[in-house]
Amino acid sequence: MTTDLMSVRGRLTAAGAAAFLLAGTAGAQELYRSALESGVGWGVNSTGDTAATFGYDYSADGIPEAPNSLVGDTATSGLKLEANIVSPSAAESLTAYPIGENFTGNYRLRFDAWINFSLDNFYNNGAAGTTEFIGGGIGYDNVATDVGPGVHILATGDGGSGSDWRIFNGGAFQSTDAMLAGTRNGFASYYSDFLPAVTAPVGQQPDTPPNESTAGSPGFQWVTFDIQNNEGYVVVKIEKPGGDTLPLIGLNGTGNTDGNIGLTYADFFSSVSTQPEFQFGLIDNVVVDVPEPASLALIGLGGLAMLRRRG
């Protein structure tokens, strides 16, 4: 495995901050792990027209096993999340969280995420009801139905928003200038080169093509979300099953990193898909850990440059 150092838009960001970009999981000290096979020990805060189904067997939808399952886990079982299922009256959201957990100091949250959308609605029905968001974060307050306080990431499944990649810090929506790509739009090459379009599972394809996701958004594919805190400096990145990683932002999260973790699914629009059976997200293999110093690549004073790891 090699590590390439590349500049993003020819500059460094978050000047004056000391940042660590975690380089792997080997030697990490686990603080918490859940395969989400049961809702015991979990709470859910919801606006209403949502659903959280623990222990859902997603193989029935033609979806492959998540990339970070351990031996002993039920291979294709996780948390199914839905929002705006039948009632198109308002935006809907929910956040699931492990009851009684509180994380402080330097730590990292990782989880595998998959998001579906109705290809027929997207390509043949004006994308009606297809733009929904999946993600999660640290510093959760056990109360909010969506991002709330803390540092959180959300992404669209279909690329149907001008802000497909959204980072929140203390509830504040981070600007395009703060993003390493210089944009939140998934159509930008920074995202689309990393996440090219993929073919949907056979059972979810419409009668006529196209049968593919939108490049630059994580529809119909497993992506691992990674949120890392080091002395209040937070790096958010995503990882593909092969190990390639893409940093999204480095920010000063001081005051926003202590608390619980939250897993969020949301529809910020009031429309409902005519194929709600295809509108859902999955989360599996939630891990909170503290990696060993030997597994960290120090990005010293002066800020965060882009580190893109190639397996």
C-alpha atoms as a PDB file:
ATOM      1  CA  MET A   1       0.000   0.000   0.000  1.00  0.00           C
ATOM      2  CA  THR A   2       1.322   3.429  -0.900  1.00  0.00           C
ATOM      3  CA  THR A   3       0.246   6.907   0.143  1.00  0.00           C
ATOM      4  CA  ASP A   4       0.197   9.801  -2.298  1.00  0.00           C
ATOM      5  CA  LEU A   5       0.229  13.401  -1.063  1.00  0.00           C
ATOM      6  CA  MET A   6      -1.670  15.754  -3.334  1.00  0.00           C
ATOM      7  CA  SER A   7      -2.733  19.333  -2.897  1.00  0.00           C
ATOM      8  CA  VAL A   8      -6.386  20.224  -3.197  1.00  0.00           C
ATOM      9  CA  ARG A   9      -6.931  23.227  -5.447  1.00  0.00           C
ATOM     10  CA  GLY A  10      -3.243  23.976  -4.861  1.00  0.00           C
ATOM     11  CA  ARG A  11      -3.641  25.002  -1.249  1.00  0.00           C
ATOM     12  CA  LEU A  12      -3.814  23.865   2.363  1.00  0.00           C
ATOM     13  CA  THR A  13      -6.853  24.424   4.529  1.00  0.00           C
ATOM     14  CA  ALA A  14      -7.571  24.963   8.225  1.00  0.00           C
ATOM     15  CA  ALA A  15      -4.346  26.875   8.725  1.00  0.00           C
ATOM     16  CA  GLY A  16      -2.875  26.721  12.202  1.00  0.00           C
ATOM     17  CA  ALA A  17      -4.661  23.504  13.143  1.00  0.00           C
ATOM     18  CA  ALA A  18      -2.908  20.260  14.077  1.00  0.00           C
ATOM     19  CA  ALA A  19      -4.595  17.418  12.248  1.00  0.00           C
ATOM     20  CA  PHE A  20      -4.288  13.679  12.107  1.00  0.00           C
ATOM     21  CA  LEU A  21      -5.572  11.720   9.126  1.00  0.00           C
ATOM     22  CA  LEU A  22      -5.970   8.151  10.304  1.00  0.00           C
ATOM     23  CA  ALA A  23      -4.223   5.741   7.979  1.00  0.00           C
ATOM     24  CA  GLY A  24      -5.815   2.468   9.029  1.00  0.00           C
ATOM     25  CA  THR A  25      -7.519   0.359  11.653  1.00  0.00           C
ATOM     26  CA  ALA A  26      -4.681  -1.947  12.641  1.00  0.00           C
ATOM     27  CA  GLY A  27      -3.935  -1.755  16.348  1.00  0.00           C
ATOM     28  CA  ALA A  28      -6.949   0.411  17.068  1.00  0.00           C
ATOM     29  CA  GLN A  29      -8.477   0.258  20.552  1.00  0.00           C
ATOM     30  CA  GLU A  30     -12.199  -0.322  20.163  1.00  0.00           C
ATOM     31  CA  LEU A  31     -14.529   1.652  22.405  1.00  0.00           C
ATOM     32  CA  TYR A  32     -17.804   0.501  20.879  1.00  0.00           C
ATOM     33  CA  ARG A  33     -19.043  -1.812  18.127  1.00  0.00           C
ATOM     34  CA  SER A  34     -22.483  -2.752  16.824  1.00  0.00           C
ATOM     35  CA  ALA A  35     -23.609  -4.786  13.824  1.00  0.00           C
ATOM     36  CA  LEU A  36     -27.105  -3.325  14.359  1.00  0.00           C
ATOM     37  CA  GLU A  37     -28.683  -6.764  14.464  1.00  0.00           C
ATOM     38  CA  SER A  38     -31.031  -5.723  17.277  1.00  0.00           C
ATOM     39  CA  GLY A  39     -32.604  -2.493  18.487  1.00  0.00           C
ATOM     40  CA  VAL A  40     -31.850  -3.421  22.109  1.00  0.00           C
ATOM     41  CA  GLY A  41     -29.681  -0.670  23.546  1.00  0.00           C
ATOM     42  CA  TRP A  42     -30.572   1.790  20.798  1.00  0.00           C
ATOM     43  CA  GLY A  43     -32.813   4.843  20.823  1.00  0.00           C
ATOM     44  CA  VAL A  44     -34.387   6.590  17.838  1.00  0.00           C
ATOM     45  CA  ASN A  45     -35.449  10.228  17.606  1.00  0.00           C
ATOM     46  CA  SER A  46     -37.842  10.865  14.725  1.00  0.00           C
ATOM     47  CA  THR A  47     -40.050  13.555  13.242  1.00  0.00           C
ATOM     48  CA  GLY A  48     -42.825  11.064  12.454  1.00  0.00           C
ATOM     49  CA  ASP A  49     -43.119   9.520   8.999  1.00  0.00           C
ATOM     50  CA  THR A  50     -39.942   7.452   9.312  1.00  0.00           C
ATOM     51  CA  ALA A  51     -38.890   3.907  10.110  1.00  0.00           C
ATOM     52  CA  ALA A  52     -35.813   2.248  11.639  1.00  0.00           C
ATOM     53  CA  THR A  53     -35.636  -1.534  11.233  1.00  0.00           C
ATOM     54  CA  PHE A  54     -32.802  -3.224  13.112  1.00  0.00           C
ATOM     55  CA  GLY A  55     -31.583  -6.626  11.954  1.00  0.00           C
ATOM     56  CA  TYR A  56     -32.902  -6.114   8.434  1.00  0.00           C
ATOM     57  CA  ASP A  57     -31.687  -8.744   5.948  1.00  0.00           C
ATOM     58  CA  TYR A  58     -30.734  -6.591   2.995  1.00  0.00           C
ATOM     59  CA  SER A  59     -29.728  -9.556   0.829  1.00  0.00           C
ATOM     60  CA  ALA A  60     -33.442  -9.796  -0.047  1.00  0.00           C
ATOM     61  CA  ASP A  61     -32.925  -6.544  -1.998  1.00  0.00           C
ATOM     62  CA  GLY A  62     -29.945  -7.931  -3.904  1.00  0.00           C
ATOM     63  CA  ILE A  63     -27.499  -5.918  -1.785  1.00  0.00           C
ATOM     64  CA  PRO A  64     -24.088  -7.498  -1.063  1.00  0.00           C
ATOM     65  CA  GLU A  65     -22.487  -7.839   2.347  1.00  0.00           C
ATOM     66  CA  ALA A  66     -21.111  -4.642   3.862  1.00  0.00           C
ATOM     67  CA  PRO A  67     -17.318  -4.344   3.578  1.00  0.00           C
ATOM     68  CA  ASN A  68     -16.373  -4.269   7.281  1.00  0.00           C
ATOM     69  CA  SER A  69     -18.365  -7.149   8.727  1.00  0.00           C
ATOM     70  CA  LEU A  70     -16.574  -9.356  11.250  1.00  0.00           C
ATOM     71  CA  VAL A  71     -16.627 -13.128  11.449  1.00  0.00           C
ATOM     72  CA  GLY A  72     -19.591 -13.975  13.653  1.00  0.00           C
ATOM     73  CA  ASP A  73     -21.767 -11.114  12.470  1.00  0.00           C
ATOM     74  CA  THR A  74     -24.880 -11.930  10.497  1.00  0.00           C
ATOM     75  CA  ALA A  75     -23.414 -11.306   7.052  1.00  0.00           C
ATOM     76  CA  THR A  76     -26.165  -9.231   5.446  1.00  0.00           C
ATOM     77  CA  SER A  77     -28.026  -7.842   8.447  1.00  0.00           C
ATOM     78  CA  GLY A  78     -28.051  -4.194   9.455  1.00  0.00           C
ATOM     79  CA  LEU A  79     -30.178  -1.127  10.113  1.00  0.00           C
ATOM     80  CA  LYS A  80     -32.711  -0.106   7.459  1.00  0.00           C
ATOM     81  CA  LEU A  81     -33.701   3.572   7.549  1.00  0.00           C
ATOM     82  CA  GLU A  82     -36.649   5.257   5.804  1.00  0.00           C
ATOM     83  CA  ALA A  83     -38.111   8.777   5.739  1.00  0.00           C
ATOM     84  CA  ASN A  84     -41.131  10.356   4.028  1.00  0.00           C
ATOM     85  CA  ILE A  85     -42.698   6.986   3.400  1.00  0.00           C
ATOM     86  CA  VAL A  86     -46.360   7.797   2.820  1.00  0.00           C
ATOM     87  CA  SER A  87     -47.145  11.355   3.896  1.00  0.00           C
ATOM     88  CA  PRO A  88     -45.692  14.165   1.737  1.00  0.00           C
ATOM     89  CA  SER A  89     -46.479  17.007   4.089  1.00  0.00           C
ATOM     90  CA  ALA A  90     -43.054  18.040   5.373  1.00  0.00           C
ATOM     91  CA  ALA A  91     -39.396  17.189   5.616  1.00  0.00           C
ATOM     92  CA  GLU A  92     -38.763  14.085   7.725  1.00  0.00           C
ATOM     93  CA  SER A  93     -35.703  12.757   9.536  1.00  0.00           C
ATOM     94  CA  LEU A  94     -34.556  10.331  12.186  1.00  0.00           C
ATOM     95  CA  THR A  95     -31.386   9.652  14.143  1.00  0.00           C
ATOM     96  CA  ALA A  96     -30.525   6.386  15.878  1.00  0.00           C
ATOM     97  CA  TYR A  97     -28.066   6.381  18.781  1.00  0.00           C
ATOM     98  CA  PRO A  98     -26.653   3.865  21.295  1.00  0.00           C
ATOM     99  CA  ILE A  99     -28.293   4.470  24.670  1.00  0.00           C
ATOM    100  CA  GLY A 100     -25.976   5.511  27.488  1.00  0.00           C
ATOM    101  CA  GLU A 101     -22.844   6.066  25.410  1.00  0.00           C
ATOM    102  CA  ASN A 102     -20.628   9.144  25.720  1.00  0.00           C
ATOM    103  CA  PHE A 103     -17.337   9.584  23.904  1.00  0.00           C
ATOM    104  CA  THR A 104     -14.662  12.144  24.764  1.00  0.00           C
ATOM    105  CA  GLY A 105     -11.052  12.806  23.891  1.00  0.00           C
ATOM    106  CA  ASN A 106      -9.504  11.617  20.651  1.00  0.00           C
ATOM    107  CA  TYR A 107     -11.557   8.982  18.841  1.00  0.00           C
ATOM    108  CA  ARG A 108     -13.012   7.988  15.505  1.00  0.00           C
ATOM    109  CA  LEU A 109     -16.453   6.905  14.273  1.00  0.00           C
ATOM    110  CA  ARG A 110     -16.719   4.575  11.267  1.00  0.00           C
ATOM    111  CA  PHE A 111     -19.756   2.909   9.718  1.00  0.00           C
ATOM    112  CA  ASP A 112     -20.725   1.291   6.430  1.00  0.00           C
ATOM    113  CA  ALA A 113     -23.578   2.994   4.549  1.00  0.00           C
ATOM    114  CA  TRP A 114     -25.672   2.139   1.493  1.00  0.00           C
ATOM    115  CA  ILE A 115     -28.477   4.242   0.020  1.00  0.00           C
ATOM    116  CA  ASN A 116     -31.072   3.326  -2.602  1.00  0.00           C
ATOM    117  CA  PHE A 117     -33.344   5.436  -4.746  1.00  0.00           C
ATOM    118  CA  SER A 118     -36.009   4.696  -7.336  1.00  0.00           C
ATOM    119  CA  LEU A 119     -34.342   4.653 -10.739  1.00  0.00           C
ATOM    120  CA  ASP A 120     -37.711   4.786 -12.474  1.00  0.00           C
ATOM    121  CA  ASN A 121     -38.708   7.908 -10.552  1.00  0.00           C
ATOM    122  CA  PHE A 122     -35.310   9.473 -11.067  1.00  0.00           C
ATOM    123  CA  TYR A 123     -35.003   8.961 -14.824  1.00  0.00           C
ATOM    124  CA  ASN A 124     -38.638   8.743 -15.938  1.00  0.00           C
ATOM    125  CA  ASN A 125     -40.622  10.778 -13.429  1.00  0.00           C
ATOM    126  CA  GLY A 126     -38.642  13.962 -12.911  1.00  0.00           C
ATOM    127  CA  ALA A 127     -36.733  12.629  -9.869  1.00  0.00           C
ATOM    128  CA  ALA A 128     -39.929  12.878  -7.810  1.00  0.00           C
ATOM    129  CA  GLY A 129     -39.177  11.966  -4.223  1.00  0.00           C
ATOM    130  CA  THR A 130     -35.782  10.396  -4.883  1.00  0.00           C
ATOM    131  CA  THR A 131     -33.398  12.809  -3.109  1.00  0.00           C
ATOM    132  CA  GLU A 132     -32.792  11.576   0.423  1.00  0.00           C
ATOM    133  CA  PHE A 133     -29.765  11.751   2.727  1.00  0.00           C
ATOM    134  CA  ILE A 134     -27.759   9.279   4.809  1.00  0.00           C
ATOM    135  CA  GLY A 135     -24.955   9.865   7.288  1.00  0.00           C
ATOM    136  CA  GLY A 136     -24.083  10.356  10.922  1.00  0.00           C
ATOM    137  CA  GLY A 137     -21.727  12.043  13.296  1.00  0.00           C
ATOM    138  CA  ILE A 138     -20.058  12.570  16.647  1.00  0.00           C
ATOM    139  CA  GLY A 139     -20.977  14.855  19.538  1.00  0.00           C
ATOM    140  CA  TYR A 140     -24.650  13.872  19.273  1.00  0.00           C
ATOM    141  CA  ASP A 141     -26.923  15.137  22.074  1.00  0.00           C
ATOM    142  CA  ASN A 142     -29.388  12.167  22.173  1.00  0.00           C
ATOM    143  CA  VAL A 143     -32.221  14.570  21.294  1.00  0.00           C
ATOM    144  CA  ALA A 144     -32.036  15.911  17.727  1.00  0.00           C
ATOM    145  CA  THR A 145     -33.846  14.126  14.912  1.00  0.00           C
ATOM    146  CA  ASP A 146     -31.155  15.108  12.408  1.00  0.00           C
ATOM    147  CA  VAL A 147     -27.726  16.725  12.599  1.00  0.00           C
ATOM    148  CA  GLY A 148     -28.175  18.912  15.696  1.00  0.00           C
ATOM    149  CA  PRO A 149     -24.953  19.688  17.554  1.00  0.00           C
ATOM    150  CA  GLY A 150     -21.665  17.883  16.997  1.00  0.00           C
ATOM    151  CA  VAL A 151     -19.898  17.187  13.691  1.00  0.00           C
ATOM    152  CA  HIS A 152     -21.984  15.316  11.122  1.00  0.00           C
ATOM    153  CA  ILE A 153     -21.898  14.287   7.483  1.00  0.00           C
ATOM    154  CA  LEU A 154     -24.860  13.693   5.187  1.00  0.00           C
ATOM    155  CA  ALA A 155     -24.859  12.627   1.529  1.00  0.00           C
ATOM    156  CA  THR A 156     -27.557  12.227  -1.105  1.00  0.00           C
ATOM    157  CA  GLY A 157     -28.046   8.882  -2.785  1.00  0.00           C
ATOM    158  CA  ASP A 158     -29.049  10.247  -6.185  1.00  0.00           C
ATOM    159  CA  GLY A 159     -27.034  13.451  -6.569  1.00  0.00           C
ATOM    160  CA  GLY A 160     -30.264  15.414  -6.681  1.00  0.00           C
ATOM    161  CA  SER A 161     -29.172  18.381  -4.592  1.00  0.00           C
ATOM    162  CA  GLY A 162     -26.778  21.218  -5.268  1.00  0.00           C
ATOM    163  CA  SER A 163     -25.311  20.245  -1.891  1.00  0.00           C
ATOM    164  CA  ASP A 164     -24.942  16.480  -2.163  1.00  0.00           C
ATOM    165  CA  TRP A 165     -22.173  16.363   0.444  1.00  0.00           C
ATOM    166  CA  ARG A 166     -23.106  18.248   3.602  1.00  0.00           C
ATOM    167  CA  ILE A 167     -20.958  18.750   6.684  1.00  0.00           C
ATOM    168  CA  PHE A 168     -22.328  20.309   9.863  1.00  0.00           C
ATOM    169  CA  ASN A 169     -20.260  21.640  12.752  1.00  0.00           C
ATOM    170  CA  GLY A 170     -22.217  22.598  15.855  1.00  0.00           C
ATOM    171  CA  GLY A 171     -25.335  22.687  13.691  1.00  0.00           C
ATOM    172  CA  ALA A 172     -23.726  25.108  11.215  1.00  0.00           C
ATOM    173  CA  PHE A 173     -23.843  24.078   7.549  1.00  0.00           C
ATOM    174  CA  GLN A 174     -20.229  24.257   6.340  1.00  0.00           C
ATOM    175  CA  SER A 175     -19.525  26.472   3.352  1.00  0.00           C
ATOM    176  CA  THR A 176     -18.325  25.362  -0.053  1.00  0.00           C
ATOM    177  CA  ASP A 177     -14.988  27.070   0.616  1.00  0.00           C
ATOM    178  CA  ALA A 178     -14.514  24.852   3.679  1.00  0.00           C
ATOM    179  CA  MET A 179     -14.881  21.676   1.609  1.00  0.00           C
ATOM    180  CA  LEU A 180     -11.668  20.257   0.184  1.00  0.00           C
ATOM    181  CA  ALA A 181     -13.378  19.979  -3.195  1.00  0.00           C
ATOM    182  CA  GLY A 182     -14.382  23.645  -3.106  1.00  0.00           C
ATOM    183  CA  THR A 183     -17.966  22.534  -3.717  1.00  0.00           C
ATOM    184  CA  ARG A 184     -20.682  20.366  -2.155  1.00  0.00           C
ATOM    185  CA  ASN A 185     -22.046  19.261  -5.531  1.00  0.00           C
ATOM    186  CA  GLY A 186     -21.520  15.574  -6.269  1.00  0.00           C
ATOM    187  CA  PHE A 187     -21.211  16.234 -10.003  1.00  0.00           C
ATOM    188  CA  ALA A 188     -17.796  17.829  -9.387  1.00  0.00           C
ATOM    189  CA  SER A 189     -14.910  15.646 -10.541  1.00  0.00           C
ATOM    190  CA  TYR A 190     -13.458  15.495  -7.007  1.00  0.00           C
ATOM    191  CA  TYR A 191     -16.436  13.315  -6.054  1.00  0.00           C
ATOM    192  CA  SER A 192     -17.427  11.780  -9.384  1.00  0.00           C
ATOM    193  CA  ASP A 193     -13.913  10.498 -10.143  1.00  0.00           C
ATOM    194  CA  PHE A 194     -13.884   8.759  -6.777  1.00  0.00           C
ATOM    195  CA  LEU A 195     -17.452   7.420  -6.976  1.00  0.00           C
ATOM    196  CA  PRO A 196     -18.246   6.585 -10.606  1.00  0.00           C
ATOM    197  CA  ALA A 197     -21.742   5.425 -11.540  1.00  0.00           C
ATOM    198  CA  VAL A 198     -22.545   1.811 -10.662  1.00  0.00           C
ATOM    199  CA  THR A 199     -25.276  -0.565 -11.780  1.00  0.00           C
ATOM    200  CA  ALA A 200     -28.150  -1.073  -9.350  1.00  0.00           C
ATOM    201  CA  PRO A 201     -28.959  -4.548  -8.018  1.00  0.00           C
ATOM    202  CA  VAL A 202     -31.001  -6.541 -10.531  1.00  0.00           C
ATOM    203  CA  GLY A 203     -34.197  -6.481  -8.487  1.00  0.00           C
ATOM    204  CA  GLN A 204     -34.127  -2.689  -8.308  1.00  0.00           C
ATOM    205  CA  GLN A 205     -33.625  -1.934 -11.994  1.00  0.00           C
ATOM    206  CA  PRO A 206     -36.473  -0.425 -14.039  1.00  0.00           C
ATOM    207  CA  ASP A 207     -37.870  -2.212 -17.084  1.00  0.00           C
ATOM    208  CA  THR A 208     -35.844   0.032 -19.379  1.00  0.00           C
ATOM    209  CA  PRO A 209     -32.355   1.511 -18.844  1.00  0.00           C
ATOM    210  CA  PRO A 210     -30.588   3.487 -17.523  1.00  0.00           C
ATOM    211  CA  ASN A 211     -29.873   1.237 -14.550  1.00  0.00           C
ATOM    212  CA  GLU A 212     -27.041   3.209 -12.999  1.00  0.00           C
ATOM    213  CA  SER A 213     -26.494   5.507 -10.054  1.00  0.00           C
ATOM    214  CA  THR A 214     -25.317   9.097 -10.386  1.00  0.00           C
ATOM    215  CA  ALA A 215     -21.534   9.518 -10.388  1.00  0.00           C
ATOM    216  CA  GLY A 216     -20.341  11.493  -7.377  1.00  0.00           C
ATOM    217  CA  SER A 217     -23.001  10.211  -4.992  1.00  0.00           C
ATOM    218  CA  PRO A 218     -22.983   6.914  -3.072  1.00  0.00           C
ATOM    219  CA  GLY A 219     -26.168   5.392  -4.497  1.00  0.00           C
ATOM    220  CA  PHE A 220     -26.236   1.581  -4.858  1.00  0.00           C
ATOM    221  CA  GLN A 221     -22.798   1.028  -3.332  1.00  0.00           C
ATOM    222  CA  TRP A 222     -21.226   0.548   0.074  1.00  0.00           C
ATOM    223  CA  VAL A 223     -19.252   3.529   1.336  1.00  0.00           C
ATOM    224  CA  THR A 224     -17.615   3.760   4.756  1.00  0.00           C
ATOM    225  CA  PHE A 225     -18.032   7.083   6.529  1.00  0.00           C
ATOM    226  CA  ASP A 226     -15.100   8.062   8.765  1.00  0.00           C
ATOM    227  CA  ILE A 227     -15.145  10.954  11.266  1.00  0.00           C
ATOM    228  CA  GLN A 228     -11.933  11.469  13.224  1.00  0.00           C
ATOM    229  CA  ASN A 229     -11.298  13.779  16.158  1.00  0.00           C
ATOM    230  CA  ASN A 230      -7.839  14.802  17.323  1.00  0.00           C
ATOM    231  CA  GLU A 231      -7.652  17.487  19.985  1.00  0.00           C
ATOM    232  CA  GLY A 232     -10.767  19.145  18.569  1.00  0.00           C
ATOM    233  CA  TYR A 233      -9.577  19.050  14.971  1.00  0.00           C
ATOM    234  CA  VAL A 234     -11.901  16.837  12.934  1.00  0.00           C
ATOM    235  CA  VAL A 235     -11.252  15.157   9.601  1.00  0.00           C
ATOM    236  CA  VAL A 236     -14.215  13.703   7.690  1.00  0.00           C
ATOM    237  CA  LYS A 237     -13.552  11.269   4.869  1.00  0.00           C
ATOM    238  CA  ILE A 238     -15.151   8.406   2.968  1.00  0.00           C
ATOM    239  CA  GLU A 239     -13.699   5.040   2.034  1.00  0.00           C
ATOM    240  CA  LYS A 240     -14.515   2.543  -0.694  1.00  0.00           C
ATOM    241  CA  PRO A 241     -14.509  -1.227  -0.030  1.00  0.00           C
ATOM    242  CA  GLY A 242     -11.127  -1.595  -1.734  1.00  0.00           C
ATOM    243  CA  GLY A 243      -9.534   0.803   0.765  1.00  0.00           C
ATOM    244  CA  ASP A 244      -9.296   4.002  -1.308  1.00  0.00           C
ATOM    245  CA  THR A 245     -10.165   7.057   0.765  1.00  0.00           C
ATOM    246  CA  LEU A 246     -11.318  10.568  -0.049  1.00  0.00           C
ATOM    247  CA  PRO A 247     -11.033  13.368   2.555  1.00  0.00           C
ATOM    248  CA  LEU A 248     -13.979  15.776   2.476  1.00  0.00           C
ATOM    249  CA  ILE A 249     -13.135  18.400   5.082  1.00  0.00           C
ATOM    250  CA  GLY A 250     -10.880  19.316   7.983  1.00  0.00           C
ATOM    251  CA  LEU A 251     -12.390  21.631  10.572  1.00  0.00           C
ATOM    252  CA  ASN A 252     -12.055  22.999  14.088  1.00  0.00           C
ATOM    253  CA  GLY A 253     -14.679  21.084  16.038  1.00  0.00           C
ATOM    254  CA  THR A 254     -13.608  22.267  19.487  1.00  0.00           C
ATOM    255  CA  GLY A 255     -16.601  22.081  21.819  1.00  0.00           C
ATOM    256  CA  ASN A 256     -18.583  19.902  19.411  1.00  0.00           C
ATOM    257  CA  THR A 257     -16.872  16.511  19.623  1.00  0.00           C
ATOM    258  CA  ASP A 258     -17.826  15.214  23.090  1.00  0.00           C
ATOM    259  CA  GLY A 259     -21.055  13.237  23.355  1.00  0.00           C
ATOM    260  CA  ASN A 260     -22.727  10.294  21.689  1.00  0.00           C
ATOM    261  CA  ILE A 261     -22.708   9.105  18.096  1.00  0.00           C
ATOM    262  CA  GLY A 262     -25.737   9.390  15.822  1.00  0.00           C
ATOM    263  CA  LEU A 263     -26.797   7.657  12.599  1.00  0.00           C
ATOM    264  CA  THR A 264     -29.062   9.857  10.499  1.00  0.00           C
ATOM    265  CA  TYR A 265     -31.439   9.414   7.592  1.00  0.00           C
ATOM    266  CA  ALA A 266     -33.439  12.327   6.224  1.00  0.00           C
ATOM    267  CA  ASP A 267     -35.615  13.646   3.434  1.00  0.00           C
ATOM    268  CA  PHE A 268     -35.363  17.431   3.538  1.00  0.00           C
ATOM    269  CA  PHE A 269     -38.060  17.761   0.882  1.00  0.00           C
ATOM    270  CA  SER A 270     -41.787  17.093   1.130  1.00  0.00           C
ATOM    271  CA  SER A 271     -42.166  14.742  -1.827  1.00  0.00           C
ATOM    272  CA  VAL A 272     -42.734  10.987  -1.579  1.00  0.00           C
ATOM    273  CA  SER A 273     -41.570   8.492  -4.172  1.00  0.00           C
ATOM    274  CA  THR A 274     -44.155   6.434  -6.043  1.00  0.00           C
ATOM    275  CA  GLN A 275     -41.822   3.491  -5.315  1.00  0.00           C
ATOM    276  CA  PRO A 276     -41.158   3.842  -1.584  1.00  0.00           C
ATOM    277  CA  GLU A 277     -39.908   0.254  -1.461  1.00  0.00           C
ATOM    278  CA  PHE A 278     -36.751   1.452  -3.235  1.00  0.00           C
ATOM    279  CA  GLN A 279     -36.246   4.565  -1.087  1.00  0.00           C
ATOM    280  CA  PHE A 280     -34.188   3.596   1.940  1.00  0.00           C
ATOM    281  CA  GLY A 281     -30.735   3.583   3.443  1.00  0.00           C
ATOM    282  CA  LEU A 282     -28.707   0.928   5.254  1.00  0.00           C
ATOM    283  CA  ILE A 283     -26.081   1.234   7.974  1.00  0.00           C
ATOM    284  CA  ASP A 284     -23.926  -1.628   9.210  1.00  0.00           C
ATOM    285  CA  ASN A 285     -20.780  -2.224  11.260  1.00  0.00           C
ATOM    286  CA  VAL A 286     -20.649   0.823  13.525  1.00  0.00           C
ATOM    287  CA  VAL A 287     -17.286   1.171  15.272  1.00  0.00           C
ATOM    288  CA  VAL A 288     -15.877   3.785  17.633  1.00  0.00           C
ATOM    289  CA  ASP A 289     -12.172   3.374  18.260  1.00  0.00           C
ATOM    290  CA  VAL A 290      -8.905   5.054  19.202  1.00  0.00           C
ATOM    291  CA  PRO A 291      -6.197   4.074  16.698  1.00  0.00           C
ATOM    292  CA  GLU A 292      -2.651   3.504  17.861  1.00  0.00           C
ATOM    293  CA  PRO A 293      -0.218   6.386  17.212  1.00  0.00           C
ATOM    294  CA  ALA A 294       1.705   4.172  14.801  1.00  0.00           C
ATOM    295  CA  SER A 295      -1.330   4.050  12.520  1.00  0.00           C
ATOM    296  CA  LEU A 296      -1.631   7.830  12.259  1.00  0.00           C
ATOM    297  CA  ALA A 297      -0.135  10.061   9.595  1.00  0.00           C
ATOM    298  CA  LEU A 298       0.644  13.426  11.153  1.00  0.00           C
ATOM    299  CA  ILE A 299      -0.422  16.407   9.103  1.00  0.00           C
ATOM    300  CA  GLY A 300       1.294  19.024  11.231  1.00  0.00           C
ATOM    301  CA  LEU A 301       0.782  22.685  11.899  1.00  0.00           C
ATOM    302  CA  GLY A 302      -0.240  24.459   8.758  1.00  0.00           C
ATOM    303  CA  GLY A 303      -3.346  22.447   8.083  1.00  0.00           C
ATOM    304  CA  LEU A 304      -4.771  19.548   6.159  1.00  0.00           C
ATOM    305  CA  ALA A 305      -3.584  18.649   2.695  1.00  0.00           C
ATOM    306  CA  MET A 306      -5.310  15.958   0.782  1.00  0.00           C
ATOM    307  CA  LEU A 307      -4.093  12.455   1.544  1.00  0.00           C
ATOM    308  CA  ARG A 308      -5.597   9.911  -0.776  1.00  0.00           C
ATOM    309  CA  ARG A 309      -4.777   6.340   0.057  1.00  0.00           C
ATOM    310  CA  ARG A 310      -4.657   3.795  -2.714  1.00  0.00           C
ATOM    311  CA  GLY A 311      -4.892   0.100  -1.839  1.00  0.00           C
END
